[in-house]
Amino acid sequence: MSYLVLARKWRPKVFDDVIGQEYIIQTLKNAISSGKTAHAFIFSGPRGVGKTSTARIVAKAINCKDGPTHLPCSECTNCQEISEGNSLDVIEIDAASHTGVKDIREIIENVKYLPSSGKTKIYIIDEAHMLSQSAFNALLKTLEEPPPHVLFILATTEVQKIPVTILSRCQRYDFKKVSTDKIKDRIMLVTSTENINITEETIYLIAQESDGSLRDALSLLDQLVATFGTDINHEEATRILGLLDRQLLRRAVSSIFNKDTKMCLETLNEASLKGVSPKRFAEDLLKMLRNALIIRTCGGGIISNISTEEIREIELLSNDHSIENLELLFNLMLKGAEEVQQSFYPQMALEVTLVKLTIMDTSIAIEDILKTIEKLSDKLGNANPSSYDKEVSHTRAVKQMAKTQRDKSPDVESKNDTKRSEDIKDDNTVNVEGLDFLGFLKEKKPVIAMQLEHAESMKIGDSIIKIEFPSQSTHYDYIARKETQDTIRKLSKEFFGRDYKIVALASSSNAENTSLSDKNSKIRSQIQNTQAVQDAMEILRGRIVNIKIREKE
């Protein structure tokens, strides 16, 4: 006897053998048991989910010697002939090869004849969407009012291509993809019955690869049996089928979450050595990031194409990451996967994408940003009292600093006191030189003091020490360095007893000769060193990437 493939050997023979279509099966069983079977059905849905098998079971249930019954015996002559495809009363037509009006007219001519041995003549038209428009038109009248001994069942994977005039004359049943868990359970039953030694992990890989099609899953299993016999090794199975091991995929996702670029690229290389293409790696990685995002937002119950074990694993991987961060990772991987699919160098394109994923900064939830902005607003509000109070408090502070400096240097001439008083009145700023801060710096940091001697002015404001240079120069560049400003800030706190921000500006004595780029540079520097901007950067733990200046029209 010739070998019978597993997909045919394990084809459902009764309603209870059909998995994943509980609602449809229960409705059909009730209709047949009550004798209220329609004259025409449309079974639509993806490939390999049981449309044609269910059509045959309906035919058996109606034409069984004990029928109509929802439990056909599968032993009588009619049942056996239908199962083997030899029944004269159950005619299966492949619409892909019988698309014309001539074929439909042949059906119309034959429907008037009574069934030869069964109770009902049943026409099963597979891939019905392939019929031509004229063929559909020819079928309309017969489909609407067939003889009482005729039943039509149209099976299709693309129901949207069926004319609405046909749809309106049929009862429609939409088959859905079979869940991964149910496919896995069925394969485990098949392997245990057929004495096939295979790991549960390999079975799960097959169930995932089948994409909801039980027939595809059994075909993959058949391929492994043909290659390895009844003892199937997991590593060899993934290599032969070109599948990506779930362990490698989980390792890649974990490396992305942990910002481990090296481990991520090593995982990609290991997958490549096992025969997994970059396009397949990118696709599976995108699916896992999508699953992580959906599980994080809606829970695992909404996803039917992965097992409960994998849902738990994804939850453990992604629990420490915000929804916003998972969304950014998914969007970046989505763009990268598209580039990999289109690139002439998919391996390199995928490597660059993985590097981007692993070095991407963690995002901050919008709720946290709003809360931080509120805190920042309160902080700035408390730090900026009314103009009168600000002037009085600042004047008192500077006077106290001047007094402290006089106590330290009793030989300071009284003319300096006069100058300090004048500076205090000058728009809440005083010249730092008048407080001998430069002399203090010469003792502590002579190199910095030497650079500051080339400054045009040094003024202290409410919370800022502003250092202006006559033009862009090496002296300005040195003072503009972050480490230099941190040192000056630390020393100013030691000298004045108060923390100040340090602002370095490069200006020109001749405003007419100042170029637009110099002006923009000055504006950028002023914006970046503004107290509010500095506080925002510190609180939000961010950085300024670029400041764009738009000219007024």
Protein backbone atom coordinates (compact mmCIF):
# COMPACT_ATOMS: atom_id res chain seq x y z
CA MET A 1 0.00 0.00 0.00
CA SER A 2 1.33 3.45 -0.87
CA TYR A 3 2.36 5.81 1.93
CA LEU A 4 -0.41 8.13 3.12
CA VAL A 5 0.82 11.53 4.27
CA LEU A 6 -0.07 12.60 7.80
CA ALA A 7 -2.28 15.47 6.60
CA ARG A 8 -4.55 12.98 4.81
CA LYS A 9 -4.24 10.20 7.37
CA TRP A 10 -5.29 12.50 10.19
CA ARG A 11 -7.94 14.37 8.25
CA PRO A 12 -11.09 14.92 10.41
CA LYS A 13 -13.70 12.23 9.83
CA VAL A 14 -16.43 13.48 12.18
CA PHE A 15 -17.42 16.87 13.53
CA ASP A 16 -15.65 16.34 16.84
CA ASP A 17 -12.32 15.85 15.03
CA VAL A 18 -12.40 19.42 13.69
CA ILE A 19 -10.41 21.68 16.03
CA GLY A 20 -10.52 25.43 16.47
CA GLN A 21 -13.96 25.96 14.86
CA GLU A 22 -16.26 25.21 17.79
CA TYR A 23 -18.98 27.75 16.94
CA ILE A 24 -19.30 26.62 13.32
CA ILE A 25 -19.30 22.92 14.20
CA GLN A 26 -21.97 23.34 16.86
CA THR A 27 -24.20 25.34 14.49
CA LEU A 28 -23.89 22.74 11.72
CA LYS A 29 -24.59 19.88 14.14
CA ASN A 30 -27.73 21.61 15.40
CA ALA A 31 -28.92 22.37 11.86
CA ILE A 32 -28.47 18.78 10.69
CA SER A 33 -30.04 17.28 13.82
CA SER A 34 -33.09 19.54 13.54
CA GLY A 35 -33.46 18.99 9.79
CA LYS A 36 -33.02 22.71 9.06
CA THR A 37 -30.07 22.45 6.72
CA ALA A 38 -29.74 25.30 4.21
CA HIS A 39 -29.59 24.63 0.48
CA ALA A 40 -26.22 26.42 0.06
CA PHE A 41 -23.22 27.15 2.32
CA ILE A 42 -20.11 29.27 1.95
CA PHE A 43 -17.12 28.11 4.02
CA SER A 44 -14.50 30.89 4.02
CA GLY A 45 -11.21 31.22 5.84
CA PRO A 46 -7.44 30.68 5.64
CA ARG A 47 -5.87 27.59 4.14
CA GLY A 48 -5.65 24.36 6.09
CA VAL A 49 -8.20 25.16 8.79
CA GLY A 50 -10.78 22.51 7.85
CA LYS A 51 -13.14 24.02 5.25
CA THR A 52 -13.13 21.14 2.76
CA SER A 53 -12.93 18.52 5.53
CA THR A 54 -15.99 20.04 7.20
CA ALA A 55 -17.81 20.03 3.85
CA ARG A 56 -17.12 16.30 3.51
CA ILE A 57 -18.32 15.66 7.07
CA VAL A 58 -21.55 17.55 6.30
CA ALA A 59 -21.98 15.32 3.24
CA LYS A 60 -21.41 12.21 5.36
CA ALA A 61 -23.80 13.44 8.07
CA ILE A 62 -26.56 13.94 5.48
CA ASN A 63 -25.98 10.81 3.37
CA CYS A 64 -25.06 8.36 6.15
CA LYS A 65 -27.39 5.32 6.33
CA ASP A 66 -28.39 6.58 9.80
CA GLY A 67 -28.69 10.18 8.61
CA PRO A 68 -29.30 12.92 8.62
CA THR A 69 -27.27 12.80 11.87
CA HIS A 70 -24.56 14.87 13.48
CA LEU A 71 -22.73 11.61 14.28
CA PRO A 72 -22.08 9.83 10.95
CA CYS A 73 -20.96 6.25 11.40
CA SER A 74 -17.98 6.48 8.99
CA GLU A 75 -18.47 2.74 8.36
CA CYS A 76 -21.34 2.47 5.93
CA THR A 77 -20.77 2.44 2.18
CA ASN A 78 -21.86 6.01 1.69
CA CYS A 79 -19.57 7.30 4.46
CA GLN A 80 -16.57 5.36 3.19
CA GLU A 81 -17.08 6.46 -0.41
CA ILE A 82 -17.33 10.11 0.66
CA SER A 83 -14.19 9.81 2.81
CA GLU A 84 -12.27 8.29 -0.10
CA GLY A 85 -13.67 10.79 -2.63
CA ASN A 86 -15.39 8.09 -4.70
CA SER A 87 -19.03 8.90 -4.05
CA LEU A 88 -21.21 9.55 -7.09
CA ASP A 89 -23.51 11.75 -5.04
CA VAL A 90 -20.77 14.03 -3.63
CA ILE A 91 -19.10 15.89 -6.47
CA GLU A 92 -15.99 17.91 -5.63
CA ILE A 93 -15.03 20.55 -8.18
CA ASP A 94 -11.79 22.51 -8.22
CA ALA A 95 -12.90 25.95 -9.36
CA ALA A 96 -9.30 26.92 -10.13
CA SER A 97 -9.36 24.55 -13.12
CA HIS A 98 -13.08 24.76 -13.88
CA THR A 99 -13.68 28.48 -14.14
CA GLY A 100 -15.82 28.84 -17.22
CA VAL A 101 -19.52 28.95 -17.97
CA LYS A 102 -19.31 25.55 -19.66
CA ASP A 103 -18.38 23.84 -16.41
CA ILE A 104 -21.20 25.52 -14.51
CA ARG A 105 -23.73 24.63 -17.22
CA GLU A 106 -22.73 21.00 -16.81
CA ILE A 107 -23.55 21.27 -13.11
CA ILE A 108 -26.88 22.94 -13.91
CA GLU A 109 -27.79 20.11 -16.29
CA ASN A 110 -26.94 17.40 -13.76
CA VAL A 111 -28.67 18.82 -10.67
CA LYS A 112 -32.08 17.70 -11.97
CA TYR A 113 -31.11 14.03 -11.62
CA LEU A 114 -31.74 12.29 -8.30
CA PRO A 115 -28.82 10.96 -6.23
CA SER A 116 -27.78 7.41 -7.05
CA SER A 117 -27.51 5.91 -3.57
CA GLY A 118 -27.59 8.66 -0.99
CA LYS A 119 -30.33 11.01 0.11
CA THR A 120 -28.86 14.24 -1.28
CA LYS A 121 -26.62 15.20 -4.17
CA ILE A 122 -23.91 17.53 -2.81
CA TYR A 123 -21.65 19.79 -4.87
CA ILE A 124 -18.46 20.95 -3.10
CA ILE A 125 -16.85 23.77 -5.11
CA ASP A 126 -13.32 24.38 -3.78
CA GLU A 127 -11.60 27.76 -4.30
CA ALA A 128 -14.95 29.13 -5.48
CA HIS A 129 -13.56 32.67 -5.83
CA MET A 130 -11.70 31.49 -8.97
CA LEU A 131 -14.92 31.18 -10.96
CA SER A 132 -15.38 33.80 -13.66
CA GLN A 133 -18.06 36.46 -13.41
CA SER A 134 -20.06 34.81 -16.21
CA ALA A 135 -19.84 31.46 -14.41
CA PHE A 136 -21.20 33.06 -11.24
CA ASN A 137 -24.02 34.62 -13.23
CA ALA A 138 -24.91 31.26 -14.71
CA LEU A 139 -24.99 29.69 -11.25
CA LEU A 140 -27.21 32.36 -9.67
CA LYS A 141 -30.66 30.94 -10.41
CA THR A 142 -29.77 27.34 -9.59
CA LEU A 143 -28.01 28.41 -6.39
CA GLU A 144 -31.04 30.38 -5.25
CA GLU A 145 -33.64 27.69 -5.98
CA PRO A 146 -31.96 24.30 -6.34
CA PRO A 147 -33.97 21.06 -6.41
CA PRO A 148 -34.77 19.72 -2.91
CA HIS A 149 -32.28 16.87 -3.32
CA VAL A 150 -29.27 19.17 -4.01
CA LEU A 151 -26.91 20.97 -1.62
CA PHE A 152 -24.14 23.38 -2.64
CA ILE A 153 -21.06 24.02 -0.48
CA LEU A 154 -18.64 26.70 -1.71
CA ALA A 155 -15.21 26.79 -0.05
CA THR A 156 -12.92 29.81 -0.51
CA THR A 157 -9.88 31.49 0.96
CA GLU A 158 -10.81 34.89 -0.52
CA VAL A 159 -14.45 35.50 0.24
CA GLN A 160 -14.15 39.17 -0.76
CA LYS A 161 -13.91 38.01 -4.38
CA ILE A 162 -17.27 36.25 -4.25
CA PRO A 163 -20.03 38.44 -5.77
CA VAL A 164 -22.54 39.74 -3.26
CA THR A 165 -25.31 38.20 -5.35
CA ILE A 166 -23.84 34.78 -4.55
CA LEU A 167 -23.19 35.61 -0.89
CA SER A 168 -26.79 36.67 -0.37
CA ARG A 169 -28.02 33.24 -1.51
CA CYS A 170 -25.84 31.22 0.88
CA GLN A 171 -25.35 30.71 4.59
CA ARG A 172 -21.85 31.94 5.34
CA TYR A 173 -19.45 30.42 7.88
CA ASP A 174 -16.11 32.11 8.48
CA PHE A 175 -13.42 29.68 9.61
CA LYS A 176 -10.55 31.13 11.63
CA LYS A 177 -6.92 30.22 12.15
CA VAL A 178 -6.28 27.47 14.65
CA SER A 179 -4.47 28.63 17.78
CA THR A 180 -0.87 27.57 18.32
CA ASP A 181 -1.75 25.70 21.52
CA LYS A 182 -4.42 23.60 19.76
CA ILE A 183 -2.11 22.79 16.86
CA LYS A 184 0.59 21.83 19.34
CA ASP A 185 -1.81 19.50 21.19
CA ARG A 186 -2.90 17.85 17.95
CA ILE A 187 0.71 17.30 16.80
CA MET A 188 1.56 15.78 20.18
CA LEU A 189 -1.36 13.37 19.73
CA VAL A 190 -0.17 12.49 16.23
CA THR A 191 3.46 11.95 17.26
CA SER A 192 2.56 9.82 20.26
CA THR A 193 0.22 7.69 18.15
CA GLU A 194 2.72 7.35 15.30
CA ASN A 195 5.61 6.65 17.75
CA ILE A 196 7.61 9.68 16.60
CA ASN A 197 10.28 10.84 19.07
CA ILE A 198 10.30 14.63 18.98
CA THR A 199 10.87 17.32 21.61
CA GLU A 200 8.08 19.59 22.77
CA GLU A 201 10.16 22.60 21.74
CA THR A 202 10.32 21.31 18.15
CA ILE A 203 6.58 20.70 18.14
CA TYR A 204 6.02 24.26 19.29
CA LEU A 205 8.27 25.56 16.50
CA ILE A 206 6.24 23.59 13.95
CA ALA A 207 2.98 24.91 15.40
CA GLN A 208 4.25 28.48 15.20
CA GLU A 209 5.59 28.07 11.68
CA SER A 210 2.24 26.72 10.44
CA ASP A 211 0.63 30.13 11.08
CA GLY A 212 -2.72 28.73 12.18
CA SER A 213 -2.92 26.00 9.52
CA LEU A 214 -3.14 22.48 10.93
CA ARG A 215 -2.57 21.00 7.48
CA ASP A 216 0.67 22.97 7.11
CA ALA A 217 1.80 21.80 10.56
CA LEU A 218 1.24 18.14 9.64
CA SER A 219 3.05 18.68 6.32
CA LEU A 220 6.09 20.09 8.16
CA LEU A 221 6.05 17.14 10.54
CA ASP A 222 5.83 14.80 7.54
CA GLN A 223 8.89 16.47 6.03
CA LEU A 224 10.89 15.90 9.22
CA VAL A 225 9.79 12.26 9.39
CA ALA A 226 10.85 11.77 5.77
CA THR A 227 14.28 13.26 6.59
CA PHE A 228 15.09 11.81 10.02
CA GLY A 229 12.68 8.93 10.48
CA THR A 230 10.94 8.59 13.84
CA ASP A 231 13.79 10.18 15.86
CA ILE A 232 13.83 13.93 15.23
CA ASN A 233 16.63 16.08 16.66
CA HIS A 234 15.68 19.65 17.54
CA GLU A 235 18.82 21.32 16.16
CA GLU A 236 18.63 19.39 12.91
CA ALA A 237 14.93 20.08 12.58
CA THR A 238 15.40 23.85 12.83
CA ARG A 239 18.23 23.67 10.29
CA ILE A 240 16.27 21.60 7.76
CA LEU A 241 13.12 23.71 8.02
CA GLY A 242 15.05 26.97 8.12
CA LEU A 243 13.33 27.95 11.38
CA LEU A 244 14.68 30.34 13.98
CA ASP A 245 15.21 28.69 17.33
CA ARG A 246 13.07 30.40 19.97
CA GLN A 247 16.02 30.42 22.38
CA LEU A 248 18.06 32.48 19.93
CA LEU A 249 15.13 34.82 19.43
CA ARG A 250 14.64 35.29 23.16
CA ARG A 251 18.36 35.91 23.55
CA ALA A 252 18.25 38.58 20.85
CA VAL A 253 15.32 40.35 22.52
CA SER A 254 16.99 40.12 25.92
CA SER A 255 20.17 41.63 24.43
CA ILE A 256 18.15 44.53 23.01
CA PHE A 257 16.48 45.19 26.36
CA ASN A 258 19.85 44.98 28.18
CA LYS A 259 21.63 47.22 25.63
CA ASP A 260 24.13 44.43 24.89
CA THR A 261 25.12 45.11 21.27
CA LYS A 262 27.84 42.46 21.19
CA MET A 263 25.56 39.66 22.38
CA CYS A 264 22.84 40.71 19.93
CA LEU A 265 25.18 40.55 16.94
CA GLU A 266 26.64 37.25 18.13
CA THR A 267 23.09 35.84 18.27
CA LEU A 268 22.47 37.01 14.70
CA ASN A 269 25.71 35.35 13.54
CA GLU A 270 24.79 32.11 15.29
CA ALA A 271 21.38 32.13 13.60
CA SER A 272 23.05 32.76 10.23
CA LEU A 273 25.35 29.75 10.73
CA LYS A 274 22.25 27.62 11.33
CA GLY A 275 20.82 28.64 8.00
CA VAL A 276 18.35 31.31 9.14
CA SER A 277 18.15 34.14 6.62
CA PRO A 278 18.43 37.78 7.78
CA LYS A 279 14.94 38.43 6.43
CA ARG A 280 13.51 35.59 8.49
CA PHE A 281 15.42 36.74 11.59
CA ALA A 282 14.11 40.31 11.15
CA GLU A 283 10.54 39.08 10.65
CA ASP A 284 10.55 36.86 13.75
CA LEU A 285 12.20 39.54 15.86
CA LEU A 286 9.57 42.05 14.73
CA LYS A 287 6.81 39.61 15.68
CA MET A 288 8.25 39.10 19.15
CA LEU A 289 8.54 42.85 19.77
CA ARG A 290 4.96 43.20 18.55
CA ASN A 291 3.87 40.47 20.96
CA ALA A 292 5.73 42.16 23.81
CA LEU A 293 3.98 45.47 23.09
CA ILE A 294 0.51 43.89 22.88
CA ILE A 295 1.03 41.76 25.99
CA ARG A 296 2.26 44.83 27.88
CA THR A 297 -0.80 46.86 26.86
CA CYS A 298 -3.64 44.33 26.62
CA GLY A 299 -2.41 41.16 28.32
CA GLY A 300 -1.59 37.79 26.78
CA GLY A 301 -5.18 36.63 26.35
CA ILE A 302 -5.61 38.66 23.17
CA ILE A 303 -2.86 36.76 21.30
CA SER A 304 -3.82 33.33 19.99
CA ASN A 305 -0.80 32.44 17.85
CA ILE A 306 1.68 31.86 20.69
CA SER A 307 1.63 29.47 23.61
CA THR A 308 0.98 30.39 27.22
CA GLU A 309 4.60 29.48 28.05
CA GLU A 310 5.92 32.00 25.55
CA ILE A 311 3.51 34.64 26.83
CA ARG A 312 4.97 34.21 30.31
CA GLU A 313 8.52 34.40 28.92
CA ILE A 314 7.75 37.62 27.03
CA GLU A 315 6.14 39.11 30.14
CA LEU A 316 9.30 38.39 32.16
CA LEU A 317 11.46 39.99 29.46
CA SER A 318 9.38 43.14 29.04
CA ASN A 319 8.01 43.83 32.51
CA ASP A 320 10.73 46.39 33.28
CA HIS A 321 10.10 48.39 30.11
CA SER A 322 7.49 51.06 29.53
CA ILE A 323 4.89 50.86 26.79
CA GLU A 324 6.46 53.91 25.13
CA ASN A 325 9.86 52.23 25.04
CA LEU A 326 8.43 49.03 23.54
CA GLU A 327 6.60 51.10 20.94
CA LEU A 328 9.83 52.88 19.96
CA LEU A 329 11.64 49.54 19.66
CA PHE A 330 8.84 48.10 17.52
CA ASN A 331 8.72 51.11 15.20
CA LEU A 332 12.48 51.07 14.76
CA MET A 333 12.46 47.31 14.08
CA LEU A 334 9.54 47.72 11.66
CA LYS A 335 11.50 50.25 9.65
CA GLY A 336 14.61 48.08 9.84
CA ALA A 337 12.73 44.96 8.71
CA GLU A 338 11.43 46.84 5.67
CA GLU A 339 14.98 47.92 4.82
CA VAL A 340 16.23 44.33 5.24
CA GLN A 341 13.54 43.05 2.86
CA GLN A 342 14.52 45.58 0.19
CA SER A 343 18.30 45.64 0.66
CA PHE A 344 20.85 43.94 -1.58
CA TYR A 345 22.88 43.39 1.62
CA PRO A 346 20.26 42.18 4.13
CA GLN A 347 22.79 40.89 6.66
CA MET A 348 24.50 44.26 7.00
CA ALA A 349 21.19 46.12 7.01
CA LEU A 350 19.97 43.91 9.87
CA GLU A 351 23.22 44.37 11.80
CA VAL A 352 22.86 48.15 11.64
CA THR A 353 19.24 47.88 12.80
CA LEU A 354 20.25 45.73 15.77
CA VAL A 355 22.96 48.23 16.72
CA LYS A 356 20.36 51.02 16.66
CA LEU A 357 18.01 48.98 18.82
CA THR A 358 20.65 48.25 21.44
CA ILE A 359 22.03 51.80 21.73
CA MET A 360 18.67 53.58 21.65
CA ASP A 361 18.04 55.71 24.73
CA THR A 362 15.22 54.59 26.97
CA SER A 363 12.14 56.72 26.51
CA ILE A 364 10.22 58.45 29.31
CA ALA A 365 6.48 57.95 29.64
CA ILE A 366 4.43 61.00 28.74
CA GLU A 367 2.80 60.91 32.18
CA ASP A 368 6.22 61.12 33.81
CA ILE A 369 7.19 64.02 31.55
CA LEU A 370 4.02 65.92 32.49
CA LYS A 371 4.63 65.32 36.18
CA THR A 372 8.24 66.44 35.81
CA ILE A 373 7.19 69.58 33.96
CA GLU A 374 4.80 70.39 36.82
CA LYS A 375 7.63 69.96 39.31
CA LEU A 376 9.88 72.10 37.15
CA SER A 377 7.20 74.77 36.91
CA ASP A 378 6.83 74.82 40.69
CA LYS A 379 10.58 74.99 41.11
CA LEU A 380 10.97 77.86 38.66
CA GLY A 381 7.98 79.63 40.19
CA ASN A 382 9.52 79.44 43.64
CA ALA A 383 12.86 80.56 42.28
CA ASN A 384 11.41 83.63 40.55
CA PRO A 385 9.53 85.88 42.98
CA SER A 386 8.19 89.28 42.08
CA SER A 387 10.60 91.69 40.46
CA TYR A 388 10.70 93.88 43.57
CA ASP A 389 11.38 91.01 45.98
CA LYS A 390 13.93 89.59 43.55
CA GLU A 391 15.80 92.88 43.37
CA VAL A 392 15.77 93.37 47.14
CA SER A 393 16.87 89.82 47.92
CA HIS A 394 19.58 89.90 45.28
CA THR A 395 20.85 93.28 46.43
CA ARG A 396 21.08 92.05 50.01
CA ALA A 397 22.93 88.94 48.88
CA VAL A 398 25.48 90.88 46.85
CA LYS A 399 25.97 93.40 49.68
CA GLN A 400 26.60 90.52 52.04
CA MET A 401 29.14 89.06 49.58
CA ALA A 402 30.82 92.45 49.33
CA LYS A 403 30.97 92.70 53.11
CA THR A 404 32.46 89.23 53.36
CA GLN A 405 35.08 90.17 50.78
CA ARG A 406 35.95 93.36 52.69
CA ASP A 407 36.41 91.33 55.83
CA LYS A 408 38.76 89.04 53.96
CA SER A 409 40.68 91.94 52.36
CA PRO A 410 40.72 94.95 54.76
CA ASP A 411 43.15 96.82 52.52
CA VAL A 412 40.62 97.12 49.69
CA GLU A 413 40.18 100.79 48.84
CA SER A 414 36.86 102.47 49.55
CA LYS A 415 36.48 103.30 45.87
CA ASN A 416 35.75 99.61 45.26
CA ASP A 417 32.79 99.87 47.64
CA THR A 418 31.45 102.76 45.62
CA LYS A 419 31.85 100.77 42.42
CA ARG A 420 30.05 97.78 43.95
CA SER A 421 27.11 99.97 44.91
CA GLU A 422 26.89 101.28 41.37
CA ASP A 423 27.07 97.76 39.95
CA ILE A 424 24.29 96.54 42.22
CA LYS A 425 21.95 99.15 40.81
CA ASP A 426 22.82 98.15 37.29
CA ASP A 427 19.90 95.84 36.38
CA ASN A 428 20.51 93.33 39.16
CA THR A 429 24.06 92.58 37.95
CA VAL A 430 27.45 93.37 39.46
CA ASN A 431 30.90 93.10 37.98
CA VAL A 432 32.59 90.07 39.43
CA GLU A 433 35.97 91.79 39.05
CA GLY A 434 34.93 94.27 41.71
CA LEU A 435 34.55 91.45 44.19
CA ASP A 436 38.10 90.22 43.46
CA PHE A 437 36.78 86.85 42.29
CA LEU A 438 39.50 86.81 39.64
CA GLY A 439 42.16 87.17 42.31
CA PHE A 440 40.61 84.25 44.16
CA LEU A 441 40.74 82.17 40.97
CA LYS A 442 44.42 83.05 40.44
CA GLU A 443 45.18 81.37 43.76
CA LYS A 444 43.00 78.31 43.12
CA LYS A 445 43.15 77.81 39.34
CA PRO A 446 45.71 80.11 37.69
CA VAL A 447 45.16 78.61 34.21
CA ILE A 448 41.46 79.46 34.30
CA ALA A 449 42.20 82.92 35.70
CA MET A 450 44.65 83.55 32.85
CA GLN A 451 41.93 82.72 30.30
CA LEU A 452 39.41 84.92 32.10
CA GLU A 453 41.76 87.91 31.91
CA HIS A 454 40.94 88.04 28.20
CA ALA A 455 37.21 88.34 28.90
CA GLU A 456 35.48 91.60 28.06
CA SER A 457 33.39 91.44 31.25
CA MET A 458 32.33 89.12 34.05
CA LYS A 459 28.95 89.92 35.62
CA ILE A 460 26.93 88.21 38.30
CA GLY A 461 23.15 88.14 37.95
CA ASP A 462 20.28 86.54 39.86
CA SER A 463 21.61 83.03 39.42
CA ILE A 464 24.15 83.34 36.62
CA ILE A 465 27.74 84.45 36.23
CA LYS A 466 27.98 85.79 32.70
CA ILE A 467 31.42 85.86 31.07
CA GLU A 468 31.65 87.77 27.79
CA PHE A 469 34.55 87.62 25.35
CA PRO A 470 35.06 90.20 22.59
CA SER A 471 34.98 87.49 19.91
CA GLN A 472 35.11 83.75 19.33
CA SER A 473 38.61 82.71 20.42
CA THR A 474 40.60 79.96 22.08
CA HIS A 475 39.98 81.72 25.42
CA TYR A 476 36.24 81.52 24.86
CA ASP A 477 36.48 77.88 23.71
CA TYR A 478 38.37 76.97 26.86
CA ILE A 479 35.86 78.66 29.18
CA ALA A 480 32.91 77.23 27.21
CA ARG A 481 34.00 73.66 28.03
CA LYS A 482 31.72 71.87 30.44
CA GLU A 483 34.53 70.75 32.73
CA THR A 484 35.90 74.30 32.92
CA GLN A 485 32.47 75.72 33.73
CA ASP A 486 31.94 73.04 36.38
CA THR A 487 35.22 74.10 38.01
CA ILE A 488 34.30 77.80 37.92
CA ARG A 489 30.86 76.96 39.32
CA LYS A 490 32.39 75.04 42.20
CA LEU A 491 34.85 77.83 43.01
CA SER A 492 32.16 80.52 42.73
CA LYS A 493 30.09 78.63 45.29
CA GLU A 494 33.13 78.53 47.57
CA PHE A 495 33.77 82.28 47.12
CA PHE A 496 30.21 83.64 47.14
CA GLY A 497 28.54 81.01 49.28
CA ARG A 498 25.91 80.48 46.58
CA ASP A 499 25.51 78.20 43.57
CA TYR A 500 25.63 79.99 40.19
CA LYS A 501 25.29 78.83 36.61
CA ILE A 502 28.23 79.78 34.38
CA VAL A 503 27.43 81.28 30.97
CA ALA A 504 30.16 81.96 28.39
CA LEU A 505 29.34 84.31 25.51
CA ALA A 506 31.33 85.41 22.50
CA SER A 507 30.33 88.83 21.15
CA SER A 508 31.86 91.48 18.89
CA SER A 509 32.64 95.13 19.73
CA ASN A 510 31.49 96.10 16.26
CA ALA A 511 27.90 94.85 15.86
CA GLU A 512 27.89 95.70 12.16
CA ASN A 513 30.69 93.24 11.47
CA THR A 514 29.09 90.43 13.45
CA SER A 515 28.08 87.63 11.09
CA LEU A 516 24.73 85.90 11.21
CA SER A 517 26.35 82.63 12.29
CA ASP A 518 28.05 84.39 15.23
CA LYS A 519 24.73 85.88 16.28
CA ASN A 520 23.02 82.49 16.05
CA SER A 521 25.82 80.88 18.01
CA LYS A 522 25.37 83.49 20.72
CA ILE A 523 21.61 82.94 20.79
CA ARG A 524 22.08 79.16 21.00
CA SER A 525 24.54 79.58 23.85
CA GLN A 526 22.16 81.88 25.69
CA ILE A 527 19.26 79.46 25.24
CA GLN A 528 21.29 76.44 26.29
CA ASN A 529 22.59 78.18 29.41
CA THR A 530 19.23 79.58 30.48
CA GLN A 531 18.37 78.53 34.01
CA ALA A 532 15.04 76.98 32.97
CA VAL A 533 16.67 74.94 30.20
CA GLN A 534 19.44 73.71 32.51
CA ASP A 535 16.92 72.69 35.17
CA ALA A 536 14.76 70.93 32.58
CA MET A 537 17.76 68.98 31.27
CA GLU A 538 18.75 67.96 34.77
CA ILE A 539 15.27 66.88 35.87
CA LEU A 540 14.37 65.11 32.63
CA ARG A 541 17.82 63.49 32.40
CA GLY A 542 18.01 64.59 28.78
CA ARG A 543 20.32 66.49 26.48
CA ILE A 544 19.98 69.15 23.79
CA VAL A 545 20.59 67.65 20.38
CA ASN A 546 20.09 70.79 18.31
CA ILE A 547 18.67 74.31 18.58
CA LYS A 548 17.12 75.63 15.38
CA ILE A 549 16.84 79.40 14.93
CA ARG A 550 14.20 80.63 12.52
CA GLU A 551 14.48 84.09 11.07
CA LYS A 552 11.44 86.34 11.28
CA GLU A 553 9.74 86.88 7.95
